[in-house]
Amino acid sequence: MTSAESPHTLQDEEQITAIANRLKRAHGQLGAVVRMLDEGCSCESIVTQMAAVAKAINTAAFTLISTSLKECIVDPTVDSGPMTEKFQKLFLSLA
């Protein structure tokens, strides 16, 4: 199996921390959405909070993809063509 075929694991500890923090924040926001539903809050307030959750999750995913792509392109052992295609498909899956 070549490097291009094996799954990539993010190595940038700073980005891992940033992504994890964003997802933890989204997790808390999602909990708030559930509480808002239980408490009978307005639809507008709930949808606004849900949009914040979606944005946080999408931002985390885009950050993960872009950082991983950068690492793979810089790595001389990786055939960047197939890896770029793989990350492009991941990126488009979020659109």
PDB file of N, CA and C in Angstrom:
ATOM      1  N   MET A   1       0.857  -1.188   0.000  1.00  0.00           N
ATOM      2  CA  MET A   1       0.000   0.000   0.000  1.00  0.00           C
ATOM      3  C   MET A   1       0.893   1.238   0.000  1.00  0.00           C
ATOM      4  N   THR A   2       0.632   2.186  -0.880  1.00  0.00           N
ATOM      5  CA  THR A   2       1.418   3.409  -0.938  1.00  0.00           C
ATOM      6  C   THR A   2       0.863   4.427   0.043  1.00  0.00           C
ATOM      7  N   SER A   3       1.636   5.467   0.278  1.00  0.00           N
ATOM      8  CA  SER A   3       1.193   6.519   1.195  1.00  0.00           C
ATOM      9  C   SER A   3      -0.093   7.176   0.733  1.00  0.00           C
ATOM     10  N   ALA A   4      -0.277   7.274  -0.592  1.00  0.00           N
ATOM     11  CA  ALA A   4      -1.480   7.917  -1.123  1.00  0.00           C
ATOM     12  C   ALA A   4      -2.729   7.097  -0.823  1.00  0.00           C
ATOM     13  N   GLU A   5      -2.560   5.771  -0.666  1.00  0.00           N
ATOM     14  CA  GLU A   5      -3.710   4.915  -0.415  1.00  0.00           C
ATOM     15  C   GLU A   5      -4.031   4.797   1.070  1.00  0.00           C
ATOM     16  N   SER A   6      -3.054   5.047   1.918  1.00  0.00           N
ATOM     17  CA  SER A   6      -3.293   4.914   3.351  1.00  0.00           C
ATOM     18  C   SER A   6      -3.953   6.178   3.881  1.00  0.00           C
ATOM     19  N   PRO A   7      -4.767   6.032   4.917  1.00  0.00           N
ATOM     20  CA  PRO A   7      -5.441   7.208   5.462  1.00  0.00           C
ATOM     21  C   PRO A   7      -4.449   8.151   6.135  1.00  0.00           C
ATOM     22  N   HIS A   8      -4.732   9.417   6.028  1.00  0.00           N
ATOM     23  CA  HIS A   8      -3.872  10.428   6.635  1.00  0.00           C
ATOM     24  C   HIS A   8      -4.344  10.726   8.052  1.00  0.00           C
ATOM     25  N   THR A   9      -3.402  10.874   8.954  1.00  0.00           N
ATOM     26  CA  THR A   9      -3.697  11.285  10.319  1.00  0.00           C
ATOM     27  C   THR A   9      -3.053  12.641  10.549  1.00  0.00           C
ATOM     28  N   LEU A  10      -3.838  13.592  10.983  1.00  0.00           N
ATOM     29  CA  LEU A  10      -3.353  14.949  11.195  1.00  0.00           C
ATOM     30  C   LEU A  10      -2.223  14.958  12.212  1.00  0.00           C
ATOM     31  N   GLN A  11      -1.154  15.677  11.906  1.00  0.00           N
ATOM     32  CA  GLN A  11       0.025  15.742  12.766  1.00  0.00           C
ATOM     33  C   GLN A  11       0.178  17.080  13.481  1.00  0.00           C
ATOM     34  N   ASP A  12      -0.429  18.127  12.968  1.00  0.00           N
ATOM     35  CA  ASP A  12      -0.269  19.483  13.502  1.00  0.00           C
ATOM     36  C   ASP A  12      -1.031  19.609  14.828  1.00  0.00           C
ATOM     37  N   GLU A  13      -0.288  19.541  15.938  1.00  0.00           N
ATOM     38  CA  GLU A  13      -0.914  19.552  17.264  1.00  0.00           C
ATOM     39  C   GLU A  13      -1.700  20.836  17.533  1.00  0.00           C
ATOM     40  N   GLU A  14      -1.212  21.947  17.019  1.00  0.00           N
ATOM     41  CA  GLU A  14      -1.910  23.222  17.208  1.00  0.00           C
ATOM     42  C   GLU A  14      -3.280  23.190  16.528  1.00  0.00           C
ATOM     43  N   GLN A  15      -3.318  22.648  15.321  1.00  0.00           N
ATOM     44  CA  GLN A  15      -4.586  22.556  14.596  1.00  0.00           C
ATOM     45  C   GLN A  15      -5.506  21.509  15.227  1.00  0.00           C
ATOM     46  N   ILE A  16      -4.938  20.413  15.697  1.00  0.00           N
ATOM     47  CA  ILE A  16      -5.749  19.394  16.383  1.00  0.00           C
ATOM     48  C   ILE A  16      -6.449  20.018  17.578  1.00  0.00           C
ATOM     49  N   THR A  17      -5.705  20.800  18.349  1.00  0.00           N
ATOM     50  CA  THR A  17      -6.275  21.477  19.524  1.00  0.00           C
ATOM     51  C   THR A  17      -7.361  22.460  19.106  1.00  0.00           C
ATOM     52  N   ALA A  18      -7.098  23.235  18.060  1.00  0.00           N
ATOM     53  CA  ALA A  18      -8.081  24.222  17.589  1.00  0.00           C
ATOM     54  C   ALA A  18      -9.355  23.534  17.107  1.00  0.00           C
ATOM     55  N   ILE A  19      -9.196  22.440  16.375  1.00  0.00           N
ATOM     56  CA  ILE A  19     -10.361  21.708  15.870  1.00  0.00           C
ATOM     57  C   ILE A  19     -11.142  21.101  17.028  1.00  0.00           C
ATOM     58  N   ALA A  20     -10.436  20.481  17.971  1.00  0.00           N
ATOM     59  CA  ALA A  20     -11.098  19.871  19.128  1.00  0.00           C
ATOM     60  C   ALA A  20     -11.846  20.924  19.938  1.00  0.00           C
ATOM     61  N   ASN A  21     -11.238  22.078  20.133  1.00  0.00           N
ATOM     62  CA  ASN A  21     -11.904  23.150  20.883  1.00  0.00           C
ATOM     63  C   ASN A  21     -13.161  23.630  20.174  1.00  0.00           C
ATOM     64  N   ARG A  22     -13.083  23.754  18.861  1.00  0.00           N
ATOM     65  CA  ARG A  22     -14.255  24.193  18.086  1.00  0.00           C
ATOM     66  C   ARG A  22     -15.374  23.161  18.204  1.00  0.00           C
ATOM     67  N   LEU A  23     -15.023  21.884  18.143  1.00  0.00           N
ATOM     68  CA  LEU A  23     -16.038  20.828  18.248  1.00  0.00           C
ATOM     69  C   LEU A  23     -16.630  20.750  19.653  1.00  0.00           C
ATOM     70  N   LYS A  24     -15.822  20.996  20.653  1.00  0.00           N
ATOM     71  CA  LYS A  24     -16.342  21.027  22.036  1.00  0.00           C
ATOM     72  C   LYS A  24     -17.325  22.187  22.199  1.00  0.00           C
ATOM     73  N   ARG A  25     -16.995  23.309  21.589  1.00  0.00           N
ATOM     74  CA  ARG A  25     -17.892  24.468  21.632  1.00  0.00           C
ATOM     75  C   ARG A  25     -19.201  24.140  20.907  1.00  0.00           C
ATOM     76  N   ALA A  26     -19.104  23.469  19.753  1.00  0.00           N
ATOM     77  CA  ALA A  26     -20.304  23.072  19.011  1.00  0.00           C
ATOM     78  C   ALA A  26     -21.129  22.087  19.822  1.00  0.00           C
ATOM     79  N   HIS A  27     -20.470  21.204  20.525  1.00  0.00           N
ATOM     80  CA  HIS A  27     -21.163  20.232  21.382  1.00  0.00           C
ATOM     81  C   HIS A  27     -21.982  20.970  22.441  1.00  0.00           C
ATOM     82  N   GLY A  28     -21.374  21.975  23.058  1.00  0.00           N
ATOM     83  CA  GLY A  28     -22.086  22.780  24.047  1.00  0.00           C
ATOM     84  C   GLY A  28     -23.251  23.543  23.429  1.00  0.00           C
ATOM     85  N   GLN A  29     -23.041  24.071  22.239  1.00  0.00           N
ATOM     86  CA  GLN A  29     -24.109  24.786  21.547  1.00  0.00           C
ATOM     87  C   GLN A  29     -25.265  23.855  21.207  1.00  0.00           C
ATOM     88  N   LEU A  30     -24.949  22.635  20.824  1.00  0.00           N
ATOM     89  CA  LEU A  30     -25.993  21.670  20.501  1.00  0.00           C
ATOM     90  C   LEU A  30     -26.801  21.320  21.749  1.00  0.00           C
ATOM     91  N   GLY A  31     -26.126  21.199  22.884  1.00  0.00           N
ATOM     92  CA  GLY A  31     -26.832  20.980  24.143  1.00  0.00           C
ATOM     93  C   GLY A  31     -27.779  22.131  24.441  1.00  0.00           C
ATOM     94  N   ALA A  32     -27.334  23.336  24.121  1.00  0.00           N
ATOM     95  CA  ALA A  32     -28.181  24.514  24.326  1.00  0.00           C
ATOM     96  C   ALA A  32     -29.422  24.455  23.438  1.00  0.00           C
ATOM     97  N   VAL A  33     -29.269  23.938  22.223  1.00  0.00           N
ATOM     98  CA  VAL A  33     -30.414  23.807  21.316  1.00  0.00           C
ATOM     99  C   VAL A  33     -31.452  22.864  21.921  1.00  0.00           C
ATOM    100  N   VAL A  34     -30.999  21.749  22.456  1.00  0.00           N
ATOM    101  CA  VAL A  34     -31.918  20.788  23.074  1.00  0.00           C
ATOM    102  C   VAL A  34     -32.642  21.437  24.259  1.00  0.00           C
ATOM    103  N   ARG A  35     -31.887  22.157  25.091  1.00  0.00           N
ATOM    104  CA  ARG A  35     -32.519  22.853  26.230  1.00  0.00           C
ATOM    105  C   ARG A  35     -33.530  23.887  25.753  1.00  0.00           C
ATOM    106  N   MET A  36     -33.181  24.605  24.702  1.00  0.00           N
ATOM    107  CA  MET A  36     -34.089  25.623  24.175  1.00  0.00           C
ATOM    108  C   MET A  36     -35.393  24.983  23.693  1.00  0.00           C
ATOM    109  N   LEU A  37     -35.284  23.831  23.043  1.00  0.00           N
ATOM    110  CA  LEU A  37     -36.485  23.115  22.599  1.00  0.00           C
ATOM    111  C   LEU A  37     -37.333  22.702  23.802  1.00  0.00           C
ATOM    112  N   ASP A  38     -36.663  22.143  24.813  1.00  0.00           N
ATOM    113  CA  ASP A  38     -37.367  21.701  26.022  1.00  0.00           C
ATOM    114  C   ASP A  38     -38.037  22.861  26.753  1.00  0.00           C
ATOM    115  N   GLU A  39     -37.411  24.028  26.682  1.00  0.00           N
ATOM    116  CA  GLU A  39     -37.932  25.200  27.388  1.00  0.00           C
ATOM    117  C   GLU A  39     -38.939  25.990  26.559  1.00  0.00           C
ATOM    118  N   GLY A  40     -39.170  25.581  25.316  1.00  0.00           N
ATOM    119  CA  GLY A  40     -40.152  26.261  24.481  1.00  0.00           C
ATOM    120  C   GLY A  40     -39.698  27.605  23.946  1.00  0.00           C
ATOM    121  N   CYS A  41     -38.419  27.742  23.658  1.00  0.00           N
ATOM    122  CA  CYS A  41     -37.909  29.004  23.108  1.00  0.00           C
ATOM    123  C   CYS A  41     -38.438  29.217  21.691  1.00  0.00           C
ATOM    124  N   SER A  42     -38.284  30.424  21.216  1.00  0.00           N
ATOM    125  CA  SER A  42     -38.798  30.755  19.881  1.00  0.00           C
ATOM    126  C   SER A  42     -38.031  30.013  18.793  1.00  0.00           C
ATOM    127  N   CYS A  43     -38.725  29.744  17.706  1.00  0.00           N
ATOM    128  CA  CYS A  43     -38.110  29.073  16.560  1.00  0.00           C
ATOM    129  C   CYS A  43     -36.914  29.863  16.052  1.00  0.00           C
ATOM    130  N   GLU A  44     -37.052  31.177  16.015  1.00  0.00           N
ATOM    131  CA  GLU A  44     -35.965  32.026  15.527  1.00  0.00           C
ATOM    132  C   GLU A  44     -34.709  31.846  16.369  1.00  0.00           C
ATOM    133  N   SER A  45     -34.867  31.836  17.685  1.00  0.00           N
ATOM    134  CA  SER A  45     -33.721  31.660  18.577  1.00  0.00           C
ATOM    135  C   SER A  45     -33.073  30.293  18.392  1.00  0.00           C
ATOM    136  N   ILE A  46     -33.908  29.271  18.256  1.00  0.00           N
ATOM    137  CA  ILE A  46     -33.393  27.908  18.105  1.00  0.00           C
ATOM    138  C   ILE A  46     -32.658  27.761  16.779  1.00  0.00           C
ATOM    139  N   VAL A  47     -33.247  28.278  15.707  1.00  0.00           N
ATOM    140  CA  VAL A  47     -32.603  28.168  14.397  1.00  0.00           C
ATOM    141  C   VAL A  47     -31.296  28.955  14.378  1.00  0.00           C
ATOM    142  N   THR A  48     -31.259  30.102  15.021  1.00  0.00           N
ATOM    143  CA  THR A  48     -30.023  30.881  15.108  1.00  0.00           C
ATOM    144  C   THR A  48     -28.932  30.070  15.802  1.00  0.00           C
ATOM    145  N   GLN A  49     -29.293  29.407  16.882  1.00  0.00           N
ATOM    146  CA  GLN A  49     -28.329  28.578  17.615  1.00  0.00           C
ATOM    147  C   GLN A  49     -27.907  27.372  16.765  1.00  0.00           C
ATOM    148  N   MET A  50     -28.858  26.776  16.048  1.00  0.00           N
ATOM    149  CA  MET A  50     -28.533  25.637  15.180  1.00  0.00           C
ATOM    150  C   MET A  50     -27.580  26.058  14.059  1.00  0.00           C
ATOM    151  N   ALA A  51     -27.772  27.253  13.538  1.00  0.00           N
ATOM    152  CA  ALA A  51     -26.870  27.760  12.499  1.00  0.00           C
ATOM    153  C   ALA A  51     -25.458  27.923  13.050  1.00  0.00           C
ATOM    154  N   ALA A  52     -25.348  28.362  14.294  1.00  0.00           N
ATOM    155  CA  ALA A  52     -24.035  28.498  14.928  1.00  0.00           C
ATOM    156  C   ALA A  52     -23.367  27.134  15.077  1.00  0.00           C
ATOM    157  N   VAL A  53     -24.146  26.123  15.442  1.00  0.00           N
ATOM    158  CA  VAL A  53     -23.613  24.762  15.570  1.00  0.00           C
ATOM    159  C   VAL A  53     -23.110  24.273  14.211  1.00  0.00           C
ATOM    160  N   ALA A  54     -23.918  24.451  13.181  1.00  0.00           N
ATOM    161  CA  ALA A  54     -23.548  24.001  11.838  1.00  0.00           C
ATOM    162  C   ALA A  54     -22.281  24.701  11.359  1.00  0.00           C
ATOM    163  N   LYS A  55     -22.188  25.997  11.600  1.00  0.00           N
ATOM    164  CA  LYS A  55     -21.005  26.747  11.173  1.00  0.00           C
ATOM    165  C   LYS A  55     -19.765  26.257  11.910  1.00  0.00           C
ATOM    166  N   ALA A  56     -19.883  26.008  13.210  1.00  0.00           N
ATOM    167  CA  ALA A  56     -18.744  25.535  13.987  1.00  0.00           C
ATOM    168  C   ALA A  56     -18.267  24.177  13.491  1.00  0.00           C
ATOM    169  N   ILE A  57     -19.196  23.282  13.207  1.00  0.00           N
ATOM    170  CA  ILE A  57     -18.837  21.946  12.725  1.00  0.00           C
ATOM    171  C   ILE A  57     -18.205  22.031  11.339  1.00  0.00           C
ATOM    172  N   ASN A  58     -18.803  22.816  10.451  1.00  0.00           N
ATOM    173  CA  ASN A  58     -18.248  22.964   9.102  1.00  0.00           C
ATOM    174  C   ASN A  58     -16.865  23.599   9.126  1.00  0.00           C
ATOM    175  N   THR A  59     -16.681  24.593   9.972  1.00  0.00           N
ATOM    176  CA  THR A  59     -15.371  25.231  10.079  1.00  0.00           C
ATOM    177  C   THR A  59     -14.333  24.229  10.574  1.00  0.00           C
ATOM    178  N   ALA A  60     -14.693  23.415  11.545  1.00  0.00           N
ATOM    179  CA  ALA A  60     -13.777  22.381  12.041  1.00  0.00           C
ATOM    180  C   ALA A  60     -13.426  21.401  10.923  1.00  0.00           C
ATOM    181  N   ALA A  61     -14.420  20.991  10.154  1.00  0.00           N
ATOM    182  CA  ALA A  61     -14.180  20.043   9.057  1.00  0.00           C
ATOM    183  C   ALA A  61     -13.300  20.649   7.977  1.00  0.00           C
ATOM    184  N   PHE A  62     -13.576  21.892   7.586  1.00  0.00           N
ATOM    185  CA  PHE A  62     -12.761  22.545   6.568  1.00  0.00           C
ATOM    186  C   PHE A  62     -11.328  22.733   7.055  1.00  0.00           C
ATOM    187  N   THR A  63     -11.160  23.065   8.323  1.00  0.00           N
ATOM    188  CA  THR A  63      -9.825  23.223   8.893  1.00  0.00           C
ATOM    189  C   THR A  63      -9.084  21.894   8.868  1.00  0.00           C
ATOM    190  N   LEU A  64      -9.773  20.831   9.232  1.00  0.00           N
ATOM    191  CA  LEU A  64      -9.172  19.499   9.211  1.00  0.00           C
ATOM    192  C   LEU A  64      -8.731  19.123   7.800  1.00  0.00           C
ATOM    193  N   ILE A  65      -9.603  19.348   6.833  1.00  0.00           N
ATOM    194  CA  ILE A  65      -9.277  19.006   5.448  1.00  0.00           C
ATOM    195  C   ILE A  65      -8.113  19.850   4.933  1.00  0.00           C
ATOM    196  N   SER A  66      -8.163  21.143   5.140  1.00  0.00           N
ATOM    197  CA  SER A  66      -7.110  22.006   4.588  1.00  0.00           C
ATOM    198  C   SER A  66      -5.758  21.739   5.242  1.00  0.00           C
ATOM    199  N   THR A  67      -5.750  21.502   6.543  1.00  0.00           N
ATOM    200  CA  THR A  67      -4.491  21.209   7.226  1.00  0.00           C
ATOM    201  C   THR A  67      -3.944  19.864   6.774  1.00  0.00           C
ATOM    202  N   SER A  68      -4.815  18.877   6.643  1.00  0.00           N
ATOM    203  CA  SER A  68      -4.378  17.557   6.180  1.00  0.00           C
ATOM    204  C   SER A  68      -3.838  17.627   4.762  1.00  0.00           C
ATOM    205  N   LEU A  69      -4.517  18.359   3.908  1.00  0.00           N
ATOM    206  CA  LEU A  69      -4.066  18.502   2.527  1.00  0.00           C
ATOM    207  C   LEU A  69      -2.687  19.152   2.488  1.00  0.00           C
ATOM    208  N   LYS A  70      -2.504  20.189   3.275  1.00  0.00           N
ATOM    209  CA  LYS A  70      -1.211  20.867   3.327  1.00  0.00           C
ATOM    210  C   LYS A  70      -0.114  19.900   3.769  1.00  0.00           C
ATOM    211  N   GLU A  71      -0.390  19.120   4.798  1.00  0.00           N
ATOM    212  CA  GLU A  71       0.601  18.160   5.284  1.00  0.00           C
ATOM    213  C   GLU A  71       0.943  17.129   4.207  1.00  0.00           C
ATOM    214  N   CYS A  72      -0.055  16.661   3.494  1.00  0.00           N
ATOM    215  CA  CYS A  72       0.173  15.645   2.471  1.00  0.00           C
ATOM    216  C   CYS A  72       0.954  16.193   1.282  1.00  0.00           C
ATOM    217  N   ILE A  73       0.677  17.423   0.907  1.00  0.00           N
ATOM    218  CA  ILE A  73       1.375  18.020  -0.232  1.00  0.00           C
ATOM    219  C   ILE A  73       2.838  18.273   0.117  1.00  0.00           C
ATOM    220  N   VAL A  74       3.104  18.646   1.358  1.00  0.00           N
ATOM    221  CA  VAL A  74       4.470  18.934   1.795  1.00  0.00           C
ATOM    222  C   VAL A  74       5.278  17.646   1.981  1.00  0.00           C
ATOM    223  N   ASP A  75       4.610  16.538   2.284  1.00  0.00           N
ATOM    224  CA  ASP A  75       5.278  15.255   2.529  1.00  0.00           C
ATOM    225  C   ASP A  75       5.779  14.674   1.206  1.00  0.00           C
ATOM    226  N   PRO A  76       7.107  14.530   1.052  1.00  0.00           N
ATOM    227  CA  PRO A  76       7.644  14.038  -0.218  1.00  0.00           C
ATOM    228  C   PRO A  76       7.325  12.562  -0.502  1.00  0.00           C
ATOM    229  N   THR A  77       6.870  11.816   0.507  1.00  0.00           N
ATOM    230  CA  THR A  77       6.551  10.402   0.299  1.00  0.00           C
ATOM    231  C   THR A  77       5.134  10.197  -0.219  1.00  0.00           C
ATOM    232  N   VAL A  78       4.357  11.273  -0.278  1.00  0.00           N
ATOM    233  CA  VAL A  78       2.966  11.172  -0.696  1.00  0.00           C
ATOM    234  C   VAL A  78       2.826  11.599  -2.149  1.00  0.00           C
ATOM    235  N   ASP A  79       2.127  10.784  -2.932  1.00  0.00           N
ATOM    236  CA  ASP A  79       1.784  11.158  -4.306  1.00  0.00           C
ATOM    237  C   ASP A  79       0.624  12.141  -4.197  1.00  0.00           C
ATOM    238  N   SER A  80       0.901  13.419  -4.371  1.00  0.00           N
ATOM    239  CA  SER A  80      -0.090  14.465  -4.080  1.00  0.00           C
ATOM    240  C   SER A  80      -1.302  14.434  -5.005  1.00  0.00           C
ATOM    241  N   GLY A  81      -1.187  13.878  -6.200  1.00  0.00           N
ATOM    242  CA  GLY A  81      -2.326  13.830  -7.121  1.00  0.00           C
ATOM    243  C   GLY A  81      -3.514  13.082  -6.551  1.00  0.00           C
ATOM    244  N   PRO A  82      -3.365  11.786  -6.238  1.00  0.00           N
ATOM    245  CA  PRO A  82      -4.490  11.032  -5.677  1.00  0.00           C
ATOM    246  C   PRO A  82      -4.951  11.582  -4.320  1.00  0.00           C
ATOM    247  N   MET A  83      -4.005  12.042  -3.517  1.00  0.00           N
ATOM    248  CA  MET A  83      -4.373  12.568  -2.199  1.00  0.00           C
ATOM    249  C   MET A  83      -5.173  13.858  -2.361  1.00  0.00           C
ATOM    250  N   THR A  84      -4.795  14.696  -3.296  1.00  0.00           N
ATOM    251  CA  THR A  84      -5.541  15.926  -3.550  1.00  0.00           C
ATOM    252  C   THR A  84      -6.963  15.597  -3.978  1.00  0.00           C
ATOM    253  N   GLU A  85      -7.121  14.596  -4.833  1.00  0.00           N
ATOM    254  CA  GLU A  85      -8.458  14.174  -5.260  1.00  0.00           C
ATOM    255  C   GLU A  85      -9.297  13.707  -4.077  1.00  0.00           C
ATOM    256  N   LYS A  86      -8.680  12.926  -3.204  1.00  0.00           N
ATOM    257  CA  LYS A  86      -9.386  12.407  -2.037  1.00  0.00           C
ATOM    258  C   LYS A  86      -9.871  13.555  -1.144  1.00  0.00           C
ATOM    259  N   PHE A  87      -8.989  14.535  -0.901  1.00  0.00           N
ATOM    260  CA  PHE A  87      -9.383  15.657  -0.052  1.00  0.00           C
ATOM    261  C   PHE A  87     -10.393  16.563  -0.746  1.00  0.00           C
ATOM    262  N   GLN A  88     -10.313  16.656  -2.069  1.00  0.00           N
ATOM    263  CA  GLN A  88     -11.301  17.438  -2.806  1.00  0.00           C
ATOM    264  C   GLN A  88     -12.686  16.818  -2.635  1.00  0.00           C
ATOM    265  N   LYS A  89     -12.772  15.491  -2.702  1.00  0.00           N
ATOM    266  CA  LYS A  89     -14.058  14.814  -2.490  1.00  0.00           C
ATOM    267  C   LYS A  89     -14.580  15.057  -1.080  1.00  0.00           C
ATOM    268  N   LEU A  90     -13.680  15.015  -0.095  1.00  0.00           N
ATOM    269  CA  LEU A  90     -14.100  15.303   1.288  1.00  0.00           C
ATOM    270  C   LEU A  90     -14.626  16.735   1.397  1.00  0.00           C
ATOM    271  N   PHE A  91     -13.901  17.665   0.778  1.00  0.00           N
ATOM    272  CA  PHE A  91     -14.317  19.062   0.804  1.00  0.00           C
ATOM    273  C   PHE A  91     -15.697  19.234   0.185  1.00  0.00           C
ATOM    274  N   LEU A  92     -15.901  18.609  -0.968  1.00  0.00           N
ATOM    275  CA  LEU A  92     -17.195  18.740  -1.655  1.00  0.00           C
ATOM    276  C   LEU A  92     -18.312  18.053  -0.896  1.00  0.00           C
ATOM    277  N   SER A  93     -17.998  17.045  -0.099  1.00  0.00           N
ATOM    278  CA  SER A  93     -19.042  16.382   0.693  1.00  0.00           C
ATOM    279  C   SER A  93     -19.644  17.318   1.731  1.00  0.00           C
ATOM    280  N   LEU A  94     -18.933  18.388   2.052  1.00  0.00           N
ATOM    281  CA  LEU A  94     -19.431  19.364   3.017  1.00  0.00           C
ATOM    282  C   LEU A  94     -20.269  20.464   2.364  1.00  0.00           C
ATOM    283  N   ALA A  95     -20.178  20.572   1.048  1.00  0.00           N
ATOM    284  CA  ALA A  95     -20.878  21.652   0.340  1.00  0.00           C
ATOM    285  C   ALA A  95     -22.356  21.383   0.235  1.00  0.00           C
TER     286      ALA A  95
END
